[in-house]
Amino acid sequence: MWYGEYLHSLDDKNRFVLPSKFRQEIKKEKIRKFYFARGLDGCLFMFAEEDWKKLEERFKSLSFTKKQARFFNRLYFSGAYEISPDSQGRVLIPDYLREFAGIAKDIVIVGISDRIEIWDKDRWHKFYEQNQKNFEEMAENIFD
């Protein structure tokens, strides 16, 4: 549902405007809430409420008697933040999540099908440069 790569900047209140294609999808699907979480590889994850609830159920099913499951859930959910875009499609990134992702001003918003990733621009370019050359090899290893 979310696709593409978009360069944006945070305003003085640490908000960014969702890409117009995303705003159209939000309107079409009547999405009211999103959830931010600490992502993997140094980015932030942003899930529409329905996708967040599915993921939450999956994580809740992990056994709390297993140390790694407890630690993962603790770290993941302690950083979760519920947001609703304003009427202009602006979204606030809380300070603790901005710091986690190393975001200063310029960001890259990346649609990854069922989630949106928010990256610091420089961190995204570094990730992309390091990994794009292995794209075909990744495809060979993932798909049979």
N, C-alpha and C. Protein backbone atom coordinates (compact mmCIF):
# COMPACT_ATOMS: atom_id res chain seq x y z
N MET A 1 0.82 -1.19 0.00
CA MET A 1 0.00 0.00 0.00
C MET A 1 0.86 1.26 0.00
N TRP A 2 2.06 1.19 0.62
CA TRP A 2 2.97 2.35 0.66
C TRP A 2 4.17 2.05 -0.23
N TYR A 3 4.42 2.93 -1.19
CA TYR A 3 5.51 2.70 -2.13
C TYR A 3 6.20 4.01 -2.45
N GLY A 4 7.50 3.93 -2.72
CA GLY A 4 8.24 5.09 -3.20
C GLY A 4 9.22 5.63 -2.17
N GLU A 5 9.97 6.62 -2.63
CA GLU A 5 11.01 7.28 -1.84
C GLU A 5 10.82 8.79 -2.02
N TYR A 6 10.73 9.51 -0.90
CA TYR A 6 10.40 10.93 -0.93
C TYR A 6 11.32 11.69 0.01
N LEU A 7 11.88 12.77 -0.47
CA LEU A 7 12.74 13.63 0.34
C LEU A 7 11.91 14.77 0.92
N HIS A 8 11.98 14.94 2.24
CA HIS A 8 11.26 16.00 2.94
C HIS A 8 12.17 16.58 4.01
N SER A 9 11.71 17.66 4.63
CA SER A 9 12.43 18.27 5.75
C SER A 9 11.48 18.46 6.90
N LEU A 10 12.02 18.41 8.11
CA LEU A 10 11.22 18.71 9.29
C LEU A 10 11.05 20.21 9.41
N ASP A 11 9.90 20.64 9.92
CA ASP A 11 9.70 22.06 10.19
C ASP A 11 10.25 22.38 11.59
N ASP A 12 10.05 23.59 12.05
CA ASP A 12 10.58 24.02 13.34
C ASP A 12 9.98 23.26 14.52
N LYS A 13 8.85 22.61 14.31
CA LYS A 13 8.19 21.84 15.37
C LYS A 13 8.43 20.34 15.24
N ASN A 14 9.41 19.97 14.42
CA ASN A 14 9.77 18.57 14.17
C ASN A 14 8.64 17.77 13.51
N ARG A 15 7.93 18.42 12.61
CA ARG A 15 6.88 17.76 11.84
C ARG A 15 7.33 17.66 10.39
N PHE A 16 6.77 16.68 9.70
CA PHE A 16 6.96 16.59 8.25
C PHE A 16 5.60 16.36 7.62
N VAL A 17 5.53 16.67 6.34
CA VAL A 17 4.30 16.47 5.59
C VAL A 17 4.40 15.14 4.86
N LEU A 18 3.38 14.31 5.04
CA LEU A 18 3.35 13.04 4.32
C LEU A 18 3.25 13.30 2.82
N PRO A 19 3.88 12.47 2.01
CA PRO A 19 3.78 12.64 0.56
C PRO A 19 2.32 12.61 0.10
N SER A 20 2.02 13.35 -0.95
CA SER A 20 0.63 13.46 -1.42
C SER A 20 0.04 12.09 -1.76
N LYS A 21 0.84 11.18 -2.34
CA LYS A 21 0.32 9.84 -2.64
C LYS A 21 -0.10 9.12 -1.36
N PHE A 22 0.63 9.32 -0.29
CA PHE A 22 0.28 8.71 0.99
C PHE A 22 -1.00 9.35 1.54
N ARG A 23 -1.10 10.66 1.42
CA ARG A 23 -2.31 11.35 1.90
C ARG A 23 -3.54 10.87 1.14
N GLN A 24 -3.40 10.63 -0.15
CA GLN A 24 -4.52 10.10 -0.95
C GLN A 24 -4.93 8.71 -0.45
N GLU A 25 -3.95 7.88 -0.16
CA GLU A 25 -4.22 6.53 0.34
C GLU A 25 -4.89 6.59 1.72
N ILE A 26 -4.43 7.50 2.56
CA ILE A 26 -5.00 7.67 3.89
C ILE A 26 -6.48 8.05 3.78
N LYS A 27 -6.75 8.96 2.87
CA LYS A 27 -8.15 9.39 2.66
C LYS A 27 -8.99 8.24 2.11
N LYS A 28 -8.46 7.55 1.11
CA LYS A 28 -9.18 6.45 0.48
C LYS A 28 -9.48 5.32 1.48
N GLU A 29 -8.49 4.98 2.30
CA GLU A 29 -8.64 3.88 3.25
C GLU A 29 -9.21 4.32 4.61
N LYS A 30 -9.45 5.64 4.74
CA LYS A 30 -10.00 6.22 5.98
C LYS A 30 -9.14 5.87 7.20
N ILE A 31 -7.84 6.04 7.03
CA ILE A 31 -6.89 5.78 8.12
C ILE A 31 -6.83 7.01 9.01
N ARG A 32 -7.03 6.80 10.28
CA ARG A 32 -7.03 7.92 11.23
C ARG A 32 -5.78 7.96 12.11
N LYS A 33 -5.21 6.79 12.38
CA LYS A 33 -4.08 6.73 13.30
C LYS A 33 -2.93 5.95 12.70
N PHE A 34 -1.73 6.35 13.12
CA PHE A 34 -0.50 5.64 12.81
C PHE A 34 0.26 5.40 14.10
N TYR A 35 1.21 4.50 14.03
CA TYR A 35 2.09 4.24 15.17
C TYR A 35 3.53 4.29 14.69
N PHE A 36 4.33 5.07 15.39
CA PHE A 36 5.78 5.08 15.18
C PHE A 36 6.39 4.05 16.11
N ALA A 37 7.50 3.47 15.70
CA ALA A 37 8.28 2.59 16.56
C ALA A 37 9.74 2.70 16.14
N ARG A 38 10.60 2.35 17.07
CA ARG A 38 12.02 2.27 16.72
C ARG A 38 12.14 1.17 15.67
N GLY A 39 12.73 1.50 14.56
CA GLY A 39 12.86 0.53 13.49
C GLY A 39 14.19 -0.20 13.56
N LEU A 40 14.45 -0.97 12.56
CA LEU A 40 15.72 -1.68 12.44
C LEU A 40 16.62 -0.93 11.47
N ASP A 41 17.89 -1.13 11.59
CA ASP A 41 18.88 -0.51 10.69
C ASP A 41 18.96 1.00 10.84
N GLY A 42 18.46 1.55 11.96
CA GLY A 42 18.61 2.98 12.22
C GLY A 42 17.51 3.87 11.68
N CYS A 43 16.37 3.31 11.34
CA CYS A 43 15.26 4.12 10.86
C CYS A 43 14.10 4.04 11.84
N LEU A 44 13.03 4.76 11.54
CA LEU A 44 11.79 4.66 12.28
C LEU A 44 10.78 3.90 11.44
N PHE A 45 9.98 3.08 12.08
CA PHE A 45 8.87 2.42 11.41
C PHE A 45 7.61 3.23 11.70
N MET A 46 6.74 3.29 10.72
CA MET A 46 5.45 3.96 10.87
C MET A 46 4.40 3.04 10.25
N PHE A 47 3.46 2.59 11.08
CA PHE A 47 2.43 1.66 10.65
C PHE A 47 1.05 2.30 10.75
N ALA A 48 0.20 2.05 9.76
CA ALA A 48 -1.21 2.41 9.89
C ALA A 48 -1.78 1.54 11.00
N GLU A 49 -2.83 2.03 11.65
CA GLU A 49 -3.37 1.36 12.82
C GLU A 49 -3.68 -0.12 12.58
N GLU A 50 -4.30 -0.44 11.48
CA GLU A 50 -4.68 -1.83 11.20
C GLU A 50 -3.45 -2.74 11.12
N ASP A 51 -2.40 -2.27 10.44
CA ASP A 51 -1.17 -3.06 10.33
C ASP A 51 -0.46 -3.15 11.67
N TRP A 52 -0.50 -2.07 12.45
CA TRP A 52 0.10 -2.07 13.78
C TRP A 52 -0.57 -3.12 14.67
N LYS A 53 -1.89 -3.19 14.63
CA LYS A 53 -2.62 -4.14 15.47
C LYS A 53 -2.26 -5.58 15.11
N LYS A 54 -2.10 -5.87 13.82
CA LYS A 54 -1.69 -7.21 13.40
C LYS A 54 -0.31 -7.55 13.94
N LEU A 55 0.59 -6.61 13.82
CA LEU A 55 1.95 -6.81 14.31
C LEU A 55 1.96 -6.95 15.83
N GLU A 56 1.17 -6.15 16.49
CA GLU A 56 1.08 -6.20 17.95
C GLU A 56 0.61 -7.59 18.41
N GLU A 57 -0.38 -8.13 17.75
CA GLU A 57 -0.87 -9.47 18.10
C GLU A 57 0.23 -10.51 17.93
N ARG A 58 0.97 -10.38 16.86
CA ARG A 58 2.06 -11.32 16.60
C ARG A 58 3.13 -11.23 17.70
N PHE A 59 3.50 -10.02 18.08
CA PHE A 59 4.52 -9.83 19.12
C PHE A 59 4.01 -10.25 20.49
N LYS A 60 2.73 -10.04 20.74
CA LYS A 60 2.15 -10.44 22.02
C LYS A 60 2.14 -11.96 22.16
N SER A 61 2.13 -12.66 21.05
CA SER A 61 2.09 -14.12 21.12
C SER A 61 3.46 -14.72 21.45
N LEU A 62 4.51 -13.90 21.43
CA LEU A 62 5.83 -14.40 21.80
C LEU A 62 5.84 -14.72 23.29
N SER A 63 6.48 -15.78 23.65
CA SER A 63 6.50 -16.21 25.05
C SER A 63 7.28 -15.23 25.93
N PHE A 64 6.64 -14.74 26.99
CA PHE A 64 7.32 -13.82 27.90
C PHE A 64 8.34 -14.56 28.77
N THR A 65 8.34 -15.88 28.72
CA THR A 65 9.34 -16.63 29.47
C THR A 65 10.68 -16.70 28.73
N LYS A 66 10.67 -16.30 27.48
CA LYS A 66 11.91 -16.27 26.70
C LYS A 66 12.52 -14.87 26.82
N LYS A 67 13.74 -14.84 27.27
CA LYS A 67 14.42 -13.58 27.55
C LYS A 67 14.46 -12.64 26.33
N GLN A 68 14.84 -13.15 25.17
CA GLN A 68 14.94 -12.28 23.99
C GLN A 68 13.58 -11.73 23.59
N ALA A 69 12.53 -12.51 23.74
CA ALA A 69 11.18 -12.01 23.42
C ALA A 69 10.80 -10.88 24.38
N ARG A 70 11.06 -11.06 25.67
CA ARG A 70 10.76 -10.01 26.65
C ARG A 70 11.53 -8.75 26.33
N PHE A 71 12.83 -8.89 26.07
CA PHE A 71 13.67 -7.73 25.82
C PHE A 71 13.24 -7.02 24.52
N PHE A 72 12.98 -7.81 23.49
CA PHE A 72 12.55 -7.21 22.22
C PHE A 72 11.26 -6.43 22.42
N ASN A 73 10.24 -7.06 23.01
CA ASN A 73 8.96 -6.38 23.22
C ASN A 73 9.13 -5.13 24.08
N ARG A 74 9.96 -5.20 25.10
CA ARG A 74 10.20 -4.06 25.96
C ARG A 74 10.77 -2.89 25.16
N LEU A 75 11.80 -3.18 24.39
CA LEU A 75 12.45 -2.12 23.61
C LEU A 75 11.52 -1.60 22.51
N TYR A 76 10.81 -2.50 21.86
CA TYR A 76 9.96 -2.11 20.74
C TYR A 76 8.77 -1.27 21.22
N PHE A 77 8.02 -1.78 22.16
CA PHE A 77 6.80 -1.09 22.57
C PHE A 77 7.06 0.13 23.45
N SER A 78 8.19 0.16 24.15
CA SER A 78 8.48 1.35 24.96
C SER A 78 8.71 2.57 24.09
N GLY A 79 9.11 2.34 22.85
CA GLY A 79 9.35 3.45 21.93
C GLY A 79 8.17 3.78 21.04
N ALA A 80 7.08 3.02 21.18
CA ALA A 80 5.92 3.24 20.31
C ALA A 80 5.25 4.57 20.62
N TYR A 81 4.72 5.19 19.58
CA TYR A 81 4.08 6.49 19.72
C TYR A 81 2.91 6.57 18.75
N GLU A 82 1.73 6.83 19.27
CA GLU A 82 0.52 6.94 18.44
C GLU A 82 0.41 8.37 17.90
N ILE A 83 0.13 8.47 16.61
CA ILE A 83 -0.01 9.80 16.00
C ILE A 83 -1.19 9.81 15.03
N SER A 84 -1.70 11.00 14.83
CA SER A 84 -2.72 11.24 13.81
C SER A 84 -2.26 12.43 12.98
N PRO A 85 -2.16 12.26 11.67
CA PRO A 85 -1.78 13.40 10.84
C PRO A 85 -2.80 14.53 11.00
N ASP A 86 -2.32 15.77 10.97
CA ASP A 86 -3.25 16.89 11.04
C ASP A 86 -3.93 17.09 9.69
N SER A 87 -4.75 18.11 9.58
CA SER A 87 -5.53 18.33 8.35
C SER A 87 -4.66 18.60 7.12
N GLN A 88 -3.42 19.01 7.35
CA GLN A 88 -2.51 19.26 6.23
C GLN A 88 -1.57 18.09 5.96
N GLY A 89 -1.79 16.97 6.67
CA GLY A 89 -0.96 15.79 6.48
C GLY A 89 0.37 15.84 7.19
N ARG A 90 0.48 16.73 8.20
CA ARG A 90 1.72 16.83 8.95
C ARG A 90 1.74 15.83 10.10
N VAL A 91 2.93 15.31 10.36
CA VAL A 91 3.14 14.32 11.40
C VAL A 91 4.31 14.77 12.27
N LEU A 92 4.13 14.70 13.58
CA LEU A 92 5.17 15.06 14.53
C LEU A 92 6.03 13.85 14.88
N ILE A 93 7.34 14.03 14.86
CA ILE A 93 8.25 12.99 15.33
C ILE A 93 8.72 13.40 16.73
N PRO A 94 8.42 12.60 17.75
CA PRO A 94 8.88 12.93 19.10
C PRO A 94 10.40 12.98 19.18
N ASP A 95 10.91 13.79 20.09
CA ASP A 95 12.36 13.97 20.22
C ASP A 95 13.11 12.66 20.41
N TYR A 96 12.61 11.78 21.29
CA TYR A 96 13.34 10.54 21.57
C TYR A 96 13.45 9.64 20.33
N LEU A 97 12.46 9.69 19.45
CA LEU A 97 12.54 8.91 18.22
C LEU A 97 13.44 9.58 17.18
N ARG A 98 13.40 10.90 17.14
CA ARG A 98 14.32 11.63 16.25
C ARG A 98 15.76 11.32 16.63
N GLU A 99 16.04 11.34 17.93
CA GLU A 99 17.40 11.05 18.40
C GLU A 99 17.80 9.62 18.06
N PHE A 100 16.89 8.68 18.28
CA PHE A 100 17.17 7.28 17.95
C PHE A 100 17.59 7.13 16.49
N ALA A 101 16.86 7.78 15.59
CA ALA A 101 17.11 7.64 14.14
C ALA A 101 18.16 8.62 13.62
N GLY A 102 18.72 9.45 14.51
CA GLY A 102 19.75 10.41 14.07
C GLY A 102 19.22 11.47 13.13
N ILE A 103 17.94 11.81 13.26
CA ILE A 103 17.31 12.77 12.35
C ILE A 103 17.54 14.19 12.86
N ALA A 104 18.08 15.02 11.98
CA ALA A 104 18.29 16.43 12.31
C ALA A 104 17.24 17.29 11.59
N LYS A 105 17.26 17.30 10.29
CA LYS A 105 16.36 18.15 9.52
C LYS A 105 15.79 17.44 8.29
N ASP A 106 16.68 16.93 7.44
CA ASP A 106 16.26 16.32 6.18
C ASP A 106 16.01 14.83 6.38
N ILE A 107 14.88 14.38 5.85
CA ILE A 107 14.51 12.97 5.99
C ILE A 107 14.16 12.38 4.63
N VAL A 108 14.19 11.06 4.59
CA VAL A 108 13.70 10.32 3.43
C VAL A 108 12.57 9.44 3.95
N ILE A 109 11.43 9.54 3.31
CA ILE A 109 10.25 8.75 3.64
C ILE A 109 10.19 7.64 2.60
N VAL A 110 10.21 6.39 3.07
CA VAL A 110 10.28 5.25 2.17
C VAL A 110 9.07 4.35 2.40
N GLY A 111 8.32 4.09 1.34
CA GLY A 111 7.20 3.17 1.43
C GLY A 111 7.68 1.75 1.25
N ILE A 112 7.37 0.88 2.23
CA ILE A 112 7.82 -0.50 2.19
C ILE A 112 6.59 -1.41 2.28
N SER A 113 5.66 -1.26 1.39
CA SER A 113 4.45 -2.06 1.32
C SER A 113 3.54 -1.86 2.52
N ASP A 114 3.77 -2.59 3.62
CA ASP A 114 2.87 -2.50 4.77
C ASP A 114 3.32 -1.51 5.84
N ARG A 115 4.46 -0.86 5.61
CA ARG A 115 4.94 0.14 6.57
C ARG A 115 5.63 1.28 5.84
N ILE A 116 5.79 2.36 6.56
CA ILE A 116 6.54 3.51 6.09
C ILE A 116 7.79 3.59 6.94
N GLU A 117 8.92 3.82 6.31
CA GLU A 117 10.15 4.02 7.07
C GLU A 117 10.56 5.48 6.94
N ILE A 118 11.02 6.04 8.07
CA ILE A 118 11.51 7.41 8.11
C ILE A 118 12.99 7.34 8.42
N TRP A 119 13.79 7.89 7.53
CA TRP A 119 15.25 7.84 7.64
C TRP A 119 15.83 9.25 7.67
N ASP A 120 16.88 9.42 8.41
CA ASP A 120 17.72 10.60 8.24
C ASP A 120 18.28 10.52 6.83
N LYS A 121 18.30 11.63 6.12
CA LYS A 121 18.70 11.62 4.71
C LYS A 121 20.09 11.01 4.51
N ASP A 122 21.06 11.43 5.30
CA ASP A 122 22.42 10.91 5.13
C ASP A 122 22.51 9.42 5.46
N ARG A 123 21.80 9.02 6.50
CA ARG A 123 21.80 7.61 6.89
C ARG A 123 21.17 6.75 5.80
N TRP A 124 20.08 7.26 5.18
CA TRP A 124 19.44 6.51 4.08
C TRP A 124 20.41 6.36 2.91
N HIS A 125 21.06 7.46 2.52
CA HIS A 125 21.97 7.40 1.37
C HIS A 125 23.13 6.43 1.64
N LYS A 126 23.62 6.42 2.87
CA LYS A 126 24.69 5.48 3.22
C LYS A 126 24.18 4.04 3.13
N PHE A 127 23.00 3.78 3.70
CA PHE A 127 22.41 2.44 3.62
C PHE A 127 22.23 2.03 2.16
N TYR A 128 21.67 2.93 1.35
CA TYR A 128 21.40 2.62 -0.05
C TYR A 128 22.70 2.32 -0.81
N GLU A 129 23.69 3.17 -0.62
CA GLU A 129 24.97 2.98 -1.31
C GLU A 129 25.61 1.65 -0.94
N GLN A 130 25.53 1.28 0.34
CA GLN A 130 26.16 0.04 0.80
C GLN A 130 25.42 -1.20 0.32
N ASN A 131 24.14 -1.08 0.02
CA ASN A 131 23.35 -2.27 -0.25
C ASN A 131 22.83 -2.41 -1.68
N GLN A 132 22.71 -1.32 -2.41
CA GLN A 132 22.11 -1.42 -3.75
C GLN A 132 22.94 -2.26 -4.70
N LYS A 133 24.24 -2.30 -4.50
CA LYS A 133 25.09 -3.10 -5.40
C LYS A 133 24.87 -4.60 -5.21
N ASN A 134 24.29 -4.99 -4.07
CA ASN A 134 24.03 -6.40 -3.78
C ASN A 134 22.57 -6.78 -4.03
N PHE A 135 21.81 -5.91 -4.65
CA PHE A 135 20.37 -6.12 -4.84
C PHE A 135 20.08 -7.44 -5.57
N GLU A 136 20.80 -7.69 -6.67
CA GLU A 136 20.56 -8.92 -7.44
C GLU A 136 20.95 -10.15 -6.63
N GLU A 137 22.05 -10.07 -5.91
CA GLU A 137 22.49 -11.20 -5.07
C GLU A 137 21.46 -11.47 -3.97
N MET A 138 20.94 -10.42 -3.39
CA MET A 138 19.89 -10.59 -2.36
C MET A 138 18.69 -11.32 -2.96
N ALA A 139 18.30 -10.90 -4.15
CA ALA A 139 17.14 -11.54 -4.80
C ALA A 139 17.41 -13.02 -5.04
N GLU A 140 18.60 -13.34 -5.48
CA GLU A 140 18.93 -14.75 -5.71
C GLU A 140 18.89 -15.56 -4.42
N ASN A 141 19.34 -14.97 -3.31
CA ASN A 141 19.38 -15.68 -2.03
C ASN A 141 18.02 -15.78 -1.36
N ILE A 142 17.15 -14.83 -1.63
CA ILE A 142 15.83 -14.82 -0.98
C ILE A 142 14.83 -15.66 -1.74
N PHE A 143 14.85 -15.53 -3.07
CA PHE A 143 13.87 -16.22 -3.91
C PHE A 143 14.52 -17.40 -4.60
N ASP A 144 13.80 -18.49 -4.66
CA ASP A 144 14.31 -19.68 -5.34
C ASP A 144 13.91 -19.70 -6.79
